[in-house]
């Protein structure tokens, strides 16, 4: 008989998003990474390194009892760290095609571990590893930890005592979150949500009837925008993330106004990593949760002032980032609370982790680009901006539903123009 272990709050957030997905969309919580391997890496080395990761991190050996959707459970981590490593003879240039195929296959979380890997080889030499995981297994931070530890193992680096010891898993996190102290923190978070909903303006993005039921996604990439954001961040004494959030919120408010007076505050969902204590910073699982923030947007305030306000609003939101999404959903239903106007996530990686793209932008081509993409997933908020600093370029990926390309492009270009205009004069 398996012991009943509640899901951690981050796992529960994932489950809340995916529990009602139709079969055709059950692959959407998957994420694929393509990792280039050191020269002359052998196939057995990769297999051994993956086995070491699975033995160290319980999340890679965890299955789930989801038979009762209202009472999901994680099962005790399997003792055996079985690694099924597919191997194909292929060129590294084929890796993204392989990744797309692997990610399109949903996981059965009750019968299999929520990750898979495929090795692209040339003879006995491993060239590229494609790693696919379900979001309940690892968030972006945890995925990067796995990549770093895999690289260290393949390089033959002796692990530090902390890196070599068995790591805590999501079951230990759940035990802390549902302890007396943890339940007290959950209650405080629920009170925060309740207060915020009572103060939240009912500001919503417009719906375009012609685009109802459709989703569009575009990524804006700009080196000048990142330079401008850094200037503004230095002047405001806050992070680049807060500056981009301020510009994004102002641009969303303009779109909501549609030529009328812009709202003076927005309800924004912020992605909280919830990795603010040493014990859980290196935990491999999904700890991300949406945290609510009320961003003031006084009409005459410049981006420096808005970024400072965003900083303090974010700190309050992140303080209550760990919460029971089921309890929050009940609260929102009782209060008939409006949906958040938009959502924002500035992706952070562990200290010392390289950016996803390490090539510096070409100084001869500083032109910003807007690239349209087919969304792999539309789980989550209706208007979601995911921003990061990739190789000295600001990248903002916007995914929106029921809005259309013209409005999505206008939002991104307005954000870009605000950063450049105010960054030049800061």
Protein backbone atom coordinates (compact mmCIF):
# COMPACT_ATOMS: atom_id res chain seq x y z
CA UNK A 1 0.00 0.00 0.00
CA UNK A 2 1.46 3.30 -1.05
CA UNK A 3 1.67 6.06 1.50
CA UNK A 4 -0.53 9.05 0.66
CA UNK A 5 1.66 12.14 0.27
CA UNK A 6 0.01 15.43 -0.66
CA UNK A 7 1.35 17.35 -3.60
CA UNK A 8 3.61 20.25 -2.75
CA UNK A 9 2.03 23.63 -3.46
CA UNK A 10 4.04 24.03 -6.68
CA UNK A 11 3.01 20.58 -7.89
CA UNK A 12 -0.58 21.39 -7.00
CA UNK A 13 -0.39 24.54 -9.12
CA UNK A 14 0.71 22.45 -12.09
CA UNK A 15 -2.08 19.95 -11.47
CA UNK A 16 -4.64 22.75 -11.19
CA UNK A 17 -3.63 23.96 -14.67
CA UNK A 18 -3.65 20.56 -16.37
CA UNK A 19 -6.31 18.44 -14.67
CA UNK A 20 -9.05 19.24 -17.18
CA UNK A 21 -6.98 19.22 -20.36
CA UNK A 22 -8.52 17.14 -23.16
CA UNK A 23 -6.40 14.24 -24.47
CA UNK A 24 -5.26 16.24 -27.49
CA UNK A 25 -3.59 18.81 -25.20
CA UNK A 26 -2.01 16.60 -22.53
CA UNK A 27 1.45 17.15 -23.98
CA UNK A 28 1.35 20.89 -23.27
CA UNK A 29 2.95 20.73 -19.78
CA UNK A 30 6.07 19.22 -21.39
CA UNK A 31 9.24 21.17 -22.00
CA UNK A 32 12.18 20.18 -24.20
CA UNK A 33 15.83 21.17 -23.77
CA UNK A 34 18.68 20.55 -26.20
CA UNK A 35 22.05 20.17 -24.50
CA UNK A 36 25.29 20.09 -26.49
CA UNK A 37 27.72 17.58 -25.01
CA UNK A 38 31.50 17.94 -24.61
CA UNK A 39 33.63 16.57 -27.44
CA UNK A 40 34.44 12.86 -27.26
CA UNK A 41 31.67 12.11 -24.75
CA UNK A 42 30.85 8.42 -24.73
CA UNK A 43 27.35 6.95 -24.68
CA UNK A 44 28.02 5.10 -21.43
CA UNK A 45 29.17 8.33 -19.79
CA UNK A 46 25.85 10.00 -20.56
CA UNK A 47 23.87 7.02 -19.32
CA UNK A 48 25.87 6.96 -16.09
CA UNK A 49 25.51 10.71 -15.52
CA UNK A 50 21.74 10.57 -16.02
CA UNK A 51 21.55 7.66 -13.59
CA UNK A 52 23.45 9.67 -10.99
CA UNK A 53 21.01 12.56 -11.40
CA UNK A 54 18.02 10.26 -10.99
CA UNK A 55 19.50 8.70 -7.85
CA UNK A 56 20.18 12.13 -6.36
CA UNK A 57 16.88 13.85 -7.14
CA UNK A 58 13.66 12.10 -5.98
CA UNK A 59 11.52 14.12 -8.40
CA UNK A 60 13.07 12.12 -11.26
CA UNK A 61 11.84 8.90 -9.62
CA UNK A 62 8.37 10.05 -8.55
CA UNK A 63 5.03 8.87 -9.93
CA UNK A 64 1.58 10.18 -9.01
CA UNK A 65 -1.84 8.90 -7.96
CA UNK A 66 -4.24 11.13 -9.87
CA UNK A 67 -7.29 8.83 -9.77
CA UNK A 68 -9.17 11.36 -7.61
CA UNK A 69 -8.70 14.74 -9.34
CA UNK A 70 -9.74 16.53 -6.16
CA UNK A 71 -7.17 14.71 -4.02
CA UNK A 72 -4.02 14.17 -6.13
CA UNK A 73 -1.07 12.51 -4.42
CA UNK A 74 2.60 11.99 -5.09
CA UNK A 75 3.82 8.48 -4.46
CA UNK A 76 7.02 7.75 -2.53
CA UNK A 77 9.97 8.04 -4.89
CA UNK A 78 10.90 4.72 -6.48
CA UNK A 79 14.14 3.31 -5.10
CA UNK A 80 15.43 2.19 -8.48
CA UNK A 81 16.83 4.88 -10.76
CA UNK A 82 16.11 3.22 -14.08
CA UNK A 83 17.26 5.29 -17.05
CA UNK A 84 15.82 4.52 -20.46
CA UNK A 85 18.06 6.44 -22.83
CA UNK A 86 17.01 6.29 -26.47
CA UNK A 87 19.87 6.58 -28.93
CA UNK A 88 19.71 7.58 -32.58
CA UNK A 89 22.35 8.28 -35.20
CA UNK A 90 21.64 11.86 -36.22
CA UNK A 91 23.20 15.19 -36.97
CA UNK A 92 23.11 17.80 -34.15
CA UNK A 93 21.14 20.02 -36.51
CA UNK A 94 18.24 17.58 -36.20
CA UNK A 95 18.05 18.03 -32.41
CA UNK A 96 15.17 20.52 -32.37
CA UNK A 97 13.06 18.31 -34.63
CA UNK A 98 13.76 15.39 -32.30
CA UNK A 99 12.92 17.58 -29.29
CA UNK A 100 9.58 18.61 -30.80
CA UNK A 101 8.65 14.97 -31.41
CA UNK A 102 9.60 13.88 -27.90
CA UNK A 103 7.77 16.78 -26.27
CA UNK A 104 4.59 16.06 -28.24
CA UNK A 105 4.14 12.74 -26.44
CA UNK A 106 2.22 13.13 -23.14
CA UNK A 107 3.41 11.41 -19.97
CA UNK A 108 1.34 8.94 -17.99
CA UNK A 109 2.34 10.26 -14.57
CA UNK A 110 0.82 7.30 -12.79
CA UNK A 111 2.90 4.65 -14.53
CA UNK A 112 6.08 6.42 -15.67
CA UNK A 113 8.50 9.02 -14.45
CA UNK A 114 7.83 12.42 -15.98
CA UNK A 115 10.99 12.77 -18.07
CA UNK A 116 12.65 11.16 -21.06
CA UNK A 117 15.92 11.59 -22.93
CA UNK A 118 17.25 10.85 -26.41
CA UNK A 119 20.89 10.86 -27.38
CA UNK A 120 22.03 11.96 -30.83
CA UNK A 121 25.24 10.15 -31.68
CA UNK A 122 27.88 9.72 -34.34
CA UNK A 123 29.20 6.19 -33.95
CA UNK A 124 30.04 5.72 -30.28
CA UNK A 125 30.37 9.47 -29.67
CA UNK A 126 27.49 11.30 -28.03
CA UNK A 127 26.93 14.71 -29.57
CA UNK A 128 23.66 16.11 -28.24
CA UNK A 129 21.22 15.18 -25.50
CA UNK A 130 17.54 16.01 -25.85
CA UNK A 131 15.92 16.18 -22.42
CA UNK A 132 12.13 16.40 -22.09
CA UNK A 133 10.30 16.74 -18.78
CA UNK A 134 6.80 17.34 -17.53
CA UNK A 135 6.50 20.64 -15.68
CA UNK A 136 5.47 18.85 -12.48
CA UNK A 137 8.95 17.27 -12.41
CA UNK A 138 11.04 20.43 -12.76
CA UNK A 139 10.61 24.13 -13.40
CA UNK A 140 13.07 26.21 -15.45
CA UNK A 141 15.39 26.77 -12.47
CA UNK A 142 15.47 23.05 -11.63
CA UNK A 143 16.03 22.11 -15.27
CA UNK A 144 19.08 24.35 -15.37
CA UNK A 145 20.39 22.73 -12.17
CA UNK A 146 20.10 19.35 -13.87
CA UNK A 147 21.97 20.61 -16.94
CA UNK A 148 24.78 22.04 -14.81
CA UNK A 149 25.13 18.86 -12.73
CA UNK A 150 25.08 16.69 -15.85
CA UNK A 151 27.84 18.83 -17.40
CA UNK A 152 29.93 18.55 -14.23
CA UNK A 153 29.54 14.77 -14.20
CA UNK A 154 30.54 14.45 -17.85
CA UNK A 155 33.55 16.69 -17.30
CA UNK A 156 34.73 14.38 -14.53
CA UNK A 157 34.53 17.13 -11.91
CA UNK A 158 34.38 15.80 -8.39
CA UNK A 159 31.03 16.83 -6.89
CA UNK A 160 30.98 19.08 -3.87
CA UNK A 161 29.67 17.44 -0.68
CA UNK A 162 26.34 19.19 -1.19
CA UNK A 163 26.13 18.21 -4.85
CA UNK A 164 27.03 14.59 -4.19
CA UNK A 165 24.69 13.96 -1.27
CA UNK A 166 21.10 12.78 -1.76
CA UNK A 167 18.91 15.82 -2.19
CA UNK A 168 15.55 16.50 -0.55
CA UNK A 169 12.57 15.97 -2.78
CA UNK A 170 9.06 17.34 -3.22
CA UNK A 171 7.73 15.05 -0.47
CA UNK A 172 9.95 16.80 2.09
CA UNK A 173 8.82 20.17 0.75
CA UNK A 174 5.17 19.16 1.07
CA UNK A 175 5.76 18.03 4.66
CA UNK A 176 7.09 21.48 5.53
CA UNK A 177 4.35 23.30 3.67
CA UNK A 178 1.63 21.36 5.50
CA UNK A 179 3.26 21.62 8.92
CA UNK A 180 1.76 23.96 11.51
CA UNK A 181 4.09 26.77 10.46
CA UNK A 182 3.46 26.08 6.79
CA UNK A 183 -0.31 26.16 7.21
CA UNK A 184 0.03 29.48 9.01
CA UNK A 185 1.93 30.87 6.01
CA UNK A 186 -0.78 29.51 3.69
CA UNK A 187 -3.43 31.32 5.73
CA UNK A 188 -1.47 34.58 5.50
CA UNK A 189 -1.18 34.15 1.72
CA UNK A 190 -4.93 33.59 1.45
CA UNK A 191 -5.58 36.79 3.41
CA UNK A 192 -3.28 38.61 0.98
CA UNK A 193 -5.28 37.31 -2.00
CA UNK A 194 -8.52 38.34 -0.29
CA UNK A 195 -7.30 41.89 0.37
CA UNK A 196 -5.98 42.24 -3.15
CA UNK A 197 -9.25 41.08 -4.71
CA UNK A 198 -11.20 43.61 -2.66
CA UNK A 199 -8.97 46.41 -4.04
CA UNK A 200 -8.54 45.18 -7.60
CA UNK A 201 -9.94 47.31 -10.42
CA UNK A 202 -12.00 45.40 -12.94
CA UNK A 203 -9.73 46.18 -15.87
CA UNK A 204 -9.68 43.66 -18.68
CA UNK A 205 -8.09 43.35 -22.07
CA UNK A 206 -10.54 43.74 -24.93
CA UNK A 207 -11.89 40.66 -26.66
CA UNK A 208 -11.96 40.63 -30.42
CA UNK A 209 -14.88 38.50 -31.67
CA UNK A 210 -13.01 37.58 -34.85
CA UNK A 211 -10.14 36.14 -32.79
CA UNK A 212 -12.14 34.36 -30.09
CA UNK A 213 -10.77 30.90 -29.40
CA UNK A 214 -7.43 31.62 -31.07
CA UNK A 215 -4.01 32.14 -29.53
CA UNK A 216 -1.08 34.06 -30.98
CA UNK A 217 2.52 34.21 -29.86
CA UNK A 218 5.36 36.52 -30.81
CA UNK A 219 8.86 37.11 -29.46
CA UNK A 220 10.46 40.55 -29.50
CA UNK A 221 14.27 40.53 -29.37
CA UNK A 222 16.22 43.75 -28.95
CA UNK A 223 19.72 44.57 -27.74
CA UNK A 224 18.99 48.35 -27.56
CA UNK A 225 15.96 47.68 -25.36
CA UNK A 226 18.10 45.77 -22.88
CA UNK A 227 20.66 48.59 -22.80
CA UNK A 228 17.89 51.09 -22.14
CA UNK A 229 16.36 48.89 -19.42
CA UNK A 230 19.75 48.65 -17.68
CA UNK A 231 20.11 52.43 -17.69
CA UNK A 232 16.64 52.82 -16.19
CA UNK A 233 17.28 50.07 -13.63
CA UNK A 234 20.46 51.80 -12.44
CA UNK A 235 18.63 55.09 -12.06
CA UNK A 236 15.68 53.53 -10.22
CA UNK A 237 17.85 51.30 -8.03
CA UNK A 238 15.85 48.20 -8.99
CA UNK A 239 16.29 45.17 -11.25
CA UNK A 240 15.94 45.09 -15.02
CA UNK A 241 13.00 42.74 -14.42
CA UNK A 242 11.10 45.53 -12.63
CA UNK A 243 11.82 48.03 -15.41
CA UNK A 244 10.52 45.66 -18.10
CA UNK A 245 7.49 44.88 -15.91
CA UNK A 246 6.75 48.61 -15.62
CA UNK A 247 6.95 49.11 -19.39
CA UNK A 248 4.82 46.00 -20.00
CA UNK A 249 2.13 47.10 -17.53
CA UNK A 250 1.95 50.58 -19.05
CA UNK A 251 1.61 49.09 -22.54
CA UNK A 252 -1.12 46.68 -21.38
CA UNK A 253 -2.96 49.58 -19.73
CA UNK A 254 -2.84 51.50 -23.01
CA UNK A 255 -4.30 48.53 -24.87
CA UNK A 256 -7.07 48.19 -22.26
CA UNK A 257 -7.94 51.88 -22.57
CA UNK A 258 -8.45 51.66 -26.34
CA UNK A 259 -8.26 55.43 -26.74
CA UNK A 260 -9.99 56.24 -23.44
CA UNK A 261 -8.42 57.10 -20.07
CA UNK A 262 -5.86 54.48 -19.04
CA UNK A 263 -6.47 52.58 -15.79
CA UNK A 264 -4.43 53.83 -12.83
CA UNK A 265 -3.71 50.31 -11.54
CA UNK A 266 -3.52 46.80 -12.95
CA UNK A 267 -3.92 43.38 -11.37
CA UNK A 268 -0.87 41.48 -12.62
CA UNK A 269 0.09 37.88 -11.96
CA UNK A 270 3.82 37.54 -11.30
CA UNK A 271 5.68 34.25 -11.47
CA UNK A 272 7.29 33.55 -8.10
CA UNK A 273 10.12 31.01 -8.04
CA UNK A 274 9.59 30.42 -4.28
CA UNK A 275 13.28 29.57 -3.93
CA UNK A 276 14.09 32.09 -1.23
CA UNK A 277 15.63 29.81 1.43
CA UNK A 278 18.87 27.82 1.14
CA UNK A 279 17.25 24.43 1.75
CA UNK A 280 14.91 24.68 -1.23
CA UNK A 281 17.00 26.71 -3.68
CA UNK A 282 18.49 23.59 -5.25
CA UNK A 283 15.34 21.45 -5.12
CA UNK A 284 14.43 19.69 -8.36
CA UNK A 285 10.66 19.96 -8.70
CA UNK A 286 8.19 22.61 -9.80
CA UNK A 287 8.00 25.41 -7.24
CA UNK A 288 6.75 28.21 -9.50
CA UNK A 289 3.41 29.77 -8.62
CA UNK A 290 1.51 32.80 -9.84
CA UNK A 291 1.43 35.52 -7.19
CA UNK A 292 -0.99 38.48 -7.42
CA UNK A 293 0.24 42.05 -7.45
CA UNK A 294 -1.56 45.36 -7.76
CA UNK A 295 0.61 47.73 -9.83
CA UNK A 296 -0.15 51.45 -9.51
CA UNK A 297 0.08 53.33 -12.81
CA UNK A 298 -0.36 57.06 -12.10
CA UNK A 299 -0.70 58.80 -15.49
CA UNK A 300 2.20 61.24 -15.14
CA UNK A 301 4.71 58.78 -13.67
CA UNK A 302 7.72 57.85 -15.79
CA UNK A 303 9.21 54.37 -16.03
CA UNK A 304 11.70 55.03 -13.22
CA UNK A 305 8.84 55.77 -10.83
CA UNK A 306 6.75 52.88 -12.10
CA UNK A 307 9.71 50.48 -11.80
CA UNK A 308 10.16 51.46 -8.15
CA UNK A 309 6.48 50.86 -7.49
CA UNK A 310 6.69 47.54 -9.33
CA UNK A 311 9.64 46.56 -7.12
CA UNK A 312 7.66 47.01 -3.90
CA UNK A 313 4.51 45.41 -5.31
CA UNK A 314 6.59 42.43 -6.44
CA UNK A 315 8.19 41.98 -3.02
CA UNK A 316 4.76 41.85 -1.39
CA UNK A 317 3.54 39.35 -3.98
CA UNK A 318 6.58 37.08 -3.66
CA UNK A 319 6.27 37.09 0.13
CA UNK A 320 2.97 35.25 -0.39
CA UNK A 321 4.11 33.21 -3.38
CA UNK A 322 3.48 29.81 -1.77
CA UNK A 323 -0.26 29.24 -1.58
CA UNK A 324 -2.93 26.59 -2.03
CA UNK A 325 -4.35 27.24 -5.50
CA UNK A 326 -7.47 25.22 -4.69
CA UNK A 327 -8.27 27.47 -1.73
CA UNK A 328 -7.52 30.56 -3.83
CA UNK A 329 -9.87 29.32 -6.58
CA UNK A 330 -12.67 28.92 -4.02
CA UNK A 331 -11.97 32.40 -2.70
CA UNK A 332 -12.09 33.92 -6.17
CA UNK A 333 -15.38 32.15 -6.92
CA UNK A 334 -16.96 33.46 -3.71
CA UNK A 335 -15.77 36.99 -4.37
CA UNK A 336 -16.63 36.87 -8.09
CA UNK A 337 -13.12 38.24 -8.56
CA UNK A 338 -12.11 39.33 -12.06
CA UNK A 339 -9.36 37.59 -13.95
CA UNK A 340 -5.93 39.25 -13.71
CA UNK A 341 -5.39 41.67 -16.56
CA UNK A 342 -2.06 40.15 -17.54
CA UNK A 343 0.82 37.96 -16.32
CA UNK A 344 4.59 38.43 -16.30
CA UNK A 345 7.66 36.33 -15.70
CA UNK A 346 11.27 37.47 -15.95
CA UNK A 347 13.17 34.20 -16.12
CA UNK A 348 16.06 33.81 -13.69
CA UNK A 349 18.66 31.05 -13.64
CA UNK A 350 20.89 29.76 -10.83
CA UNK A 351 23.99 31.80 -10.04
CA UNK A 352 26.78 31.09 -12.51
CA UNK A 353 24.51 29.45 -15.06
CA UNK A 354 25.20 30.63 -18.61
CA UNK A 355 22.43 32.23 -20.61
CA UNK A 356 20.62 30.00 -23.07
CA UNK A 357 22.41 31.86 -25.88
CA UNK A 358 25.98 32.88 -25.11
CA UNK A 359 26.80 34.56 -28.40
CA UNK A 360 26.93 38.34 -28.05
CA UNK A 361 24.66 40.31 -30.38
CA UNK A 362 26.22 41.38 -33.66
CA UNK A 363 27.26 45.04 -33.16
CA UNK A 364 26.64 45.65 -36.83
CA UNK A 365 22.98 44.63 -36.59
CA UNK A 366 21.17 46.27 -33.69
CA UNK A 367 17.74 46.12 -35.30
CA UNK A 368 15.01 44.70 -33.07
CA UNK A 369 13.06 41.75 -34.44
CA UNK A 370 9.53 40.46 -33.91
CA UNK A 371 9.06 36.78 -34.74
CA UNK A 372 5.70 35.03 -34.86
CA UNK A 373 5.50 31.49 -33.49
CA UNK A 374 2.96 28.72 -33.05
CA UNK A 375 2.31 28.38 -29.30
CA UNK A 376 3.28 24.96 -27.97
CA UNK A 377 1.01 25.53 -24.98
CA UNK A 378 -1.79 27.92 -24.06
CA UNK A 379 -2.06 26.75 -20.45
CA UNK A 380 -2.26 29.61 -18.00
CA UNK A 381 -3.12 33.32 -18.14
CA UNK A 382 -4.75 34.87 -21.17
CA UNK A 383 -2.02 37.51 -21.64
CA UNK A 384 1.41 36.26 -20.61
CA UNK A 385 4.80 37.91 -21.19
CA UNK A 386 7.91 35.84 -20.54
CA UNK A 387 11.05 37.98 -20.55
CA UNK A 388 14.74 37.22 -20.17
CA UNK A 389 18.21 38.49 -20.92
CA UNK A 390 19.68 36.16 -23.53
CA UNK A 391 23.24 36.90 -24.56
CA UNK A 392 22.89 40.66 -24.11
CA UNK A 393 19.51 40.84 -25.87
CA UNK A 394 16.17 41.48 -24.21
CA UNK A 395 13.74 38.77 -25.26
CA UNK A 396 10.03 39.17 -24.53
CA UNK A 397 7.72 36.35 -25.62
CA UNK A 398 4.05 37.32 -25.53
CA UNK A 399 1.30 34.70 -25.68
CA UNK A 400 -2.29 35.97 -25.83
CA UNK A 401 -5.72 34.50 -26.50
CA UNK A 402 -8.76 36.13 -28.12
CA UNK A 403 -6.86 39.23 -29.16
CA UNK A 404 -5.17 38.89 -32.54
CA UNK A 405 -1.82 39.68 -34.12
CA UNK A 406 -2.29 43.40 -34.59
CA UNK A 407 -2.94 44.03 -30.89
CA UNK A 408 -0.16 41.66 -29.76
CA UNK A 409 2.35 43.37 -32.05
CA UNK A 410 1.18 46.82 -30.91
CA UNK A 411 1.69 45.84 -27.28
CA UNK A 412 5.23 44.58 -27.85
CA UNK A 413 6.31 47.52 -30.01
CA UNK A 414 4.82 49.97 -27.50
CA UNK A 415 6.82 48.31 -24.70
CA UNK A 416 9.94 48.56 -26.86
CA UNK A 417 9.37 52.23 -27.71
CA UNK A 418 8.84 53.17 -24.04
CA UNK A 419 12.10 51.56 -22.98
CA UNK A 420 14.10 53.25 -25.73
CA UNK A 421 12.49 56.67 -25.31
CA UNK A 422 12.98 56.86 -21.54
CA UNK A 423 16.28 54.99 -21.51
CA UNK A 424 17.85 57.66 -23.74
CA UNK A 425 16.90 60.47 -21.38
CA UNK A 426 17.52 58.70 -18.06
